[in-house]
Protein backbone atom coordinates (compact mmCIF):
# COMPACT_ATOMS: atom_id res chain seq x y z
CA MET A 1 74.32 104.63 86.77
CA LEU A 2 72.85 101.37 85.47
CA SER A 3 72.86 99.53 88.78
CA PHE A 4 69.14 98.81 88.40
CA LEU A 5 69.94 96.24 85.69
CA PRO A 6 70.19 92.56 86.65
CA HIS A 7 73.63 91.33 87.69
CA TRP A 8 74.14 88.99 84.72
CA LEU A 9 73.34 91.74 82.18
CA ARG A 10 75.70 94.23 83.84
CA GLY A 11 78.42 91.54 83.89
CA VAL A 12 77.95 90.76 80.18
CA LEU A 13 77.94 94.51 79.35
CA ALA A 14 81.12 95.06 81.40
CA VAL A 15 83.01 92.19 79.79
CA LEU A 16 81.95 93.22 76.27
CA LEU A 17 82.94 96.82 76.86
CA ILE A 18 86.32 95.84 78.33
CA LEU A 19 86.97 93.59 75.32
CA LEU A 20 85.98 96.41 73.03
CA SER A 21 88.35 98.96 74.64
CA THR A 22 91.11 96.32 74.63
CA THR A 23 90.54 95.56 70.95
CA ILE A 24 90.68 99.27 70.08
CA LEU A 25 93.81 100.11 72.14
CA PHE A 26 95.88 96.96 71.72
CA PRO A 27 96.94 97.61 68.09
CA PHE A 28 98.42 100.97 69.18
CA VAL A 29 100.33 99.12 71.95
CA LEU A 30 101.70 96.60 69.44
CA ALA A 31 102.65 99.33 66.94
CA LEU A 32 104.61 101.26 69.55
CA ALA A 33 106.12 98.03 70.82
CA PHE A 34 107.50 97.13 67.39
CA ILE A 35 108.83 100.69 66.93
CA LYS A 36 110.78 100.27 70.22
CA LEU A 37 111.95 96.84 69.10
CA LEU A 38 113.05 97.79 65.61
CA ILE A 39 114.48 101.28 66.16
CA PRO A 40 116.88 101.15 69.15
CA VAL A 41 117.18 104.91 69.61
CA SER A 42 116.99 105.89 73.27
CA ALA A 43 115.12 109.11 72.82
CA LEU A 44 112.55 107.46 70.57
CA ARG A 45 112.15 104.51 72.92
CA LYS A 46 111.57 106.89 75.84
CA HIS A 47 108.78 108.68 74.03
CA CYS A 48 107.24 105.39 72.98
CA THR A 49 107.34 104.22 76.63
CA ILE A 50 105.58 107.38 77.78
CA ALA A 51 102.90 106.90 75.14
CA LEU A 52 102.46 103.20 76.05
CA ILE A 53 102.04 104.06 79.73
CA GLY A 54 99.48 106.66 78.76
CA ILE A 55 97.52 104.01 76.77
CA ALA A 56 97.68 101.59 79.70
CA GLY A 57 96.46 104.32 82.07
CA LEU A 58 93.61 105.16 79.68
CA TRP A 59 92.60 101.48 79.55
CA ILE A 60 92.53 101.35 83.37
CA ASN A 61 90.48 104.56 83.56
CA ILE A 62 87.96 103.11 81.07
CA ASN A 63 87.62 100.04 83.27
CA ASN A 64 87.15 102.27 86.33
CA GLY A 65 84.53 104.31 84.46
CA LEU A 66 82.62 101.11 83.63
CA LEU A 67 82.55 100.14 87.31
CA TYR A 68 81.12 103.57 88.12
CA LEU A 69 78.56 103.45 85.26
CA LEU A 70 77.30 99.95 85.80
CA HIS A 71 77.53 99.45 89.57
CA ASP A 72 76.95 101.15 92.89
CA ILE A 73 80.05 99.98 94.81
CA GLN A 74 80.83 101.66 98.14
CA TRP A 75 84.57 102.36 98.46
CA ASP A 76 86.05 102.71 101.95
CA VAL A 77 89.65 103.66 101.30
CA LYS A 78 92.15 105.04 103.81
CA GLY A 79 95.84 105.75 103.50
CA ASP A 80 95.95 106.71 99.78
CA GLY A 81 97.08 110.25 100.50
CA ASP A 82 100.65 111.50 100.17
CA LEU A 83 101.47 109.28 97.21
CA LYS A 84 103.58 110.51 94.33
CA PRO A 85 103.36 109.54 90.63
CA ASP A 86 107.12 110.25 90.28
CA ASP A 87 108.42 108.03 93.07
CA TRP A 88 109.31 104.32 93.29
CA TYR A 89 107.18 101.81 95.23
CA LEU A 90 106.99 98.20 96.13
CA VAL A 91 103.30 97.19 96.54
CA THR A 92 101.90 94.09 98.15
CA CYS A 93 98.43 93.09 99.44
CA ASN A 94 96.54 90.08 100.63
CA HIS A 95 95.20 87.99 97.78
CA GLN A 96 91.64 86.64 97.89
CA THR A 97 90.24 86.87 94.33
CA TRP A 98 91.08 87.89 90.81
CA ALA A 99 89.23 91.08 91.58
CA ASP A 100 92.11 92.23 93.76
CA ILE A 101 94.28 93.45 90.85
CA PRO A 102 91.69 95.73 89.13
CA ILE A 103 90.68 97.01 92.58
CA VAL A 104 94.30 97.95 93.46
CA GLN A 105 94.64 99.54 89.98
CA ARG A 106 91.46 101.51 90.59
CA VAL A 107 92.73 102.87 93.91
CA LEU A 108 96.33 103.64 92.84
CA ASN A 109 96.01 104.60 89.18
CA GLY A 110 97.35 108.15 88.66
CA LYS A 111 98.63 108.39 92.23
CA VAL A 112 101.73 106.20 91.75
CA PRO A 113 103.56 105.05 88.63
CA MET A 114 101.91 102.27 86.64
CA LEU A 115 101.83 98.92 88.42
CA LYS A 116 104.31 96.42 86.98
CA PHE A 117 104.98 92.77 87.78
CA PHE A 118 108.27 90.89 87.69
CA LEU A 119 107.83 88.19 85.03
CA LYS A 120 109.69 85.01 84.30
CA GLN A 121 112.09 85.53 81.43
CA GLU A 122 110.43 82.77 79.41
CA LEU A 123 107.20 84.79 79.23
CA ILE A 124 108.70 87.28 76.80
CA TRP A 125 108.12 84.68 74.08
CA VAL A 126 104.33 84.60 74.60
CA PRO A 127 102.94 85.72 71.22
CA LEU A 128 102.03 89.46 71.09
CA ILE A 129 101.50 89.76 74.87
CA GLY A 130 105.25 89.19 75.51
CA VAL A 131 106.15 92.01 73.16
CA ALA A 132 103.56 94.27 74.89
CA TRP A 133 105.02 93.42 78.32
CA TRP A 134 108.50 94.20 77.05
CA ALA A 135 107.36 97.48 75.49
CA LEU A 136 105.71 98.53 78.75
CA ASP A 137 109.01 97.82 80.52
CA PHE A 138 107.75 94.96 82.62
CA PRO A 139 110.99 93.58 84.08
CA PHE A 140 111.83 89.97 83.09
CA MET A 141 113.90 88.07 85.60
CA LYS A 142 115.87 84.90 85.39
CA ARG A 143 116.14 82.83 88.55
CA TYR A 144 118.31 79.85 89.32
CA THR A 145 117.41 77.33 92.02
CA ARG A 146 119.79 76.55 94.83
CA GLU A 147 120.29 73.12 93.27
CA GLN A 148 121.33 74.67 89.94
CA VAL A 149 123.82 76.91 91.68
CA GLU A 150 125.23 73.97 93.62
CA ARG A 151 125.72 72.06 90.36
CA ASN A 152 127.26 75.08 88.64
CA PRO A 153 128.85 77.58 91.12
CA ALA A 154 129.43 80.02 88.27
CA LEU A 155 125.73 80.79 88.35
CA LYS A 156 125.96 82.24 91.85
CA GLY A 157 124.61 85.76 91.75
CA LYS A 158 123.85 85.62 88.03
CA ASP A 159 120.08 85.81 88.49
CA LEU A 160 120.38 88.98 90.53
CA GLU A 161 122.83 90.45 88.01
CA THR A 162 120.45 89.64 85.09
CA THR A 163 117.51 91.23 86.92
CA LYS A 164 119.45 94.34 87.81
CA LYS A 165 120.26 94.77 84.10
CA ALA A 166 116.53 94.41 83.30
CA CYS A 167 115.80 97.17 85.86
CA GLU A 168 118.37 99.63 84.53
CA LYS A 169 115.68 101.70 82.84
CA PHE A 170 114.00 102.29 86.20
CA LYS A 171 116.90 104.46 87.32
CA TYR A 172 115.35 107.17 85.12
CA THR A 173 111.68 106.05 85.01
CA PRO A 174 109.79 105.67 88.31
CA VAL A 175 107.94 102.41 88.70
CA THR A 176 105.57 100.60 91.05
CA VAL A 177 106.45 96.94 91.39
CA PHE A 178 103.51 94.79 92.48
CA ASN A 179 103.99 91.47 94.32
CA PHE A 180 101.48 89.15 96.05
CA LEU A 181 103.51 87.85 98.98
CA GLU A 182 101.13 84.93 99.46
CA GLY A 183 101.87 83.85 95.95
CA THR A 184 98.34 82.53 95.36
CA ARG A 185 94.71 83.28 96.29
CA PHE A 186 93.52 82.51 99.76
CA THR A 187 91.19 79.57 100.20
CA GLN A 188 90.34 77.71 103.39
CA ALA A 189 91.67 74.48 101.85
CA LYS A 190 95.06 76.11 101.12
CA HIS A 191 95.12 77.66 104.53
CA ASP A 192 94.49 74.31 106.22
CA HIS A 193 97.01 72.54 103.98
CA GLN A 194 99.71 75.07 104.92
CA LYS A 195 98.76 75.02 108.59
CA SER A 196 99.03 78.79 108.32
CA PRO A 197 99.57 80.56 111.67
CA TYR A 198 97.36 83.42 110.41
CA LYS A 199 93.61 83.46 110.57
CA TYR A 200 92.86 85.29 107.30
CA LEU A 201 96.19 84.90 105.38
CA LEU A 202 98.31 82.27 103.82
CA LYS A 203 102.02 82.12 104.72
CA PRO A 204 103.97 84.88 102.92
CA LYS A 205 106.76 84.02 100.46
CA ALA A 206 109.47 86.55 101.19
CA GLY A 207 111.77 85.53 98.31
CA GLY A 208 109.96 87.45 95.55
CA ALA A 209 109.98 90.76 97.43
CA ALA A 210 113.57 90.27 98.52
CA PHE A 211 114.64 89.61 94.93
CA VAL A 212 112.96 92.84 93.83
CA LEU A 213 114.76 94.83 96.56
CA GLY A 214 118.02 93.11 95.65
CA ALA A 215 117.70 94.24 92.08
CA MET A 216 116.26 97.70 92.67
CA GLY A 217 117.52 98.65 96.11
CA GLU A 218 119.03 101.89 94.89
CA HIS A 219 115.53 103.24 94.21
CA LEU A 220 112.92 101.22 96.10
CA HIS A 221 112.71 102.59 99.61
CA THR A 222 108.92 102.58 100.17
CA MET A 223 106.46 99.74 100.50
CA LEU A 224 102.73 100.18 100.16
CA ASN A 225 101.24 97.44 102.31
CA ILE A 226 97.60 97.14 101.18
CA THR A 227 94.90 95.23 103.01
CA ILE A 228 91.66 94.45 101.16
CA HIS A 229 88.47 93.31 102.87
CA TYR A 230 85.23 92.36 101.19
CA PRO A 231 82.40 92.57 103.69
CA GLY A 232 80.13 89.59 103.40
CA LYS A 233 82.01 87.39 100.95
CA ALA A 234 85.11 87.71 98.74
CA LEU A 235 83.63 87.21 95.30
CA GLY A 236 85.82 86.84 92.18
CA PHE A 237 86.30 88.87 89.03
CA TRP A 238 82.77 88.08 87.82
CA GLY A 239 81.45 89.32 91.14
CA LEU A 240 83.20 92.64 90.50
CA VAL A 241 82.13 93.18 86.88
CA SER A 242 78.54 92.01 87.52
CA GLY A 243 78.12 94.31 90.54
CA GLN A 244 77.68 91.60 93.15
CA ILE A 245 80.47 93.11 95.18
CA LYS A 246 78.71 95.89 97.03
CA LYS A 247 81.47 97.26 99.25
CA VAL A 248 85.24 97.24 99.21
CA VAL A 249 87.35 98.20 102.23
CA ILE A 250 90.99 99.15 101.57
CA ARG A 251 93.66 100.18 104.05
CA ILE A 252 97.04 101.35 102.75
CA GLU A 253 100.07 101.52 104.98
CA LYS A 254 103.11 103.41 103.73
CA ILE A 255 106.26 101.74 105.09
CA ARG A 256 109.88 102.80 104.87
CA ILE A 257 111.88 99.73 103.86
CA PRO A 258 114.83 99.26 106.23
CA ASP A 259 118.12 100.11 104.49
CA GLN A 260 119.65 96.78 105.56
CA PHE A 261 117.23 94.98 103.22
CA LEU A 262 118.22 96.83 100.09
CA SER A 263 120.56 95.49 97.39
CA ARG A 264 121.17 92.20 99.21
CA ASP A 265 121.45 88.65 97.86
CA TYR A 266 118.52 86.65 99.28
CA MET A 267 119.54 83.34 97.74
CA ASN A 268 123.10 83.29 99.07
CA ASP A 269 123.00 85.40 102.25
CA ALA A 270 121.53 83.28 105.03
CA GLU A 271 121.66 86.09 107.64
CA PHE A 272 119.77 88.47 105.41
CA ARG A 273 117.27 85.75 104.46
CA SER A 274 116.45 85.08 108.09
CA GLU A 275 116.13 88.79 108.99
CA PHE A 276 113.97 89.58 105.98
CA GLN A 277 111.63 86.61 106.60
CA GLU A 278 111.11 87.76 110.16
CA TRP A 279 110.34 91.35 109.01
CA ILE A 280 107.79 90.03 106.54
CA ALA A 281 106.27 87.78 109.22
CA GLN A 282 105.81 90.82 111.52
CA LEU A 283 104.06 92.71 108.70
CA TRP A 284 101.82 89.69 108.14
CA ARG A 285 100.91 89.35 111.82
CA LYS A 286 99.91 93.00 111.85
CA LYS A 287 97.89 92.52 108.67
CA ASP A 288 96.10 89.56 110.12
CA GLU A 289 95.17 91.58 113.19
CA GLN A 290 93.85 94.37 110.96
CA LEU A 291 91.72 91.91 108.98
CA GLU A 292 90.35 90.59 112.26
CA GLN A 293 89.31 94.12 113.25
CA LEU A 294 87.75 94.74 109.80
CA HIS A 295 85.76 91.55 109.98
CA ARG A 296 84.38 92.58 113.34
CA GLN A 297 83.75 96.16 112.23
CA TYR A 298 81.84 95.19 109.09
CA ALA A 299 80.10 92.07 110.41
CA SER A 300 76.51 91.98 109.22
């Protein structure tokens, strides 16, 4: 390990090596993406998808290897057993820094299908990256606001229908859908502005998760509820790549999603909306209590 090097040097090395691996692998991603785009043969597209997921997994493993090579991070992880790479999962966790995503990838890579995010449909037009997201089967969703539906009742249920079509491929290819319920990173200013009832969390936004379950309820039956705690201080992405994060505590809770929450219309079903919001609030109260315990346990 190279943890004896100064933080700034390790950070620079990590960023340069990540950029190097990205530069080497990204052309292969784009090549396979354009093959999928230009040759609409199901069997060929399937093999391209498998290859693309393999490239993405390799990229994540390279990043994980860099963390091991450059830093001496202590990992305290519980609950990552009994996971399957051929099952479907909805994953959420508390969101404190941009380091959260690579940390979750590090813990789950190879144990569950590749993490994927629901993206706004407009993002497919982002140059190069949009094609890569499409090729990796990131689902693009189109959502209509309540005001838009009121102005045009024909739009009622169309957003869910469009997203279900985008998720058709996941009937045959297991996927892990990742969603930050808080919607944004925790800061004390945001917490105070929201008047959040939780000590260590922002208010959860249930709509995103409900929309995923509405579109993929036939397959998504398990939630991985992840809690991340950084003893001392929650540093950002630079803190991770420069080795200033010394310890990461992760608790993973595997939860069976109640059947009554699957394949429902969150936007237009008030009863379901109320029940689902209360279920998420219960999960968040429990998570807040767990964070309280972790803060006490790892207090310096």
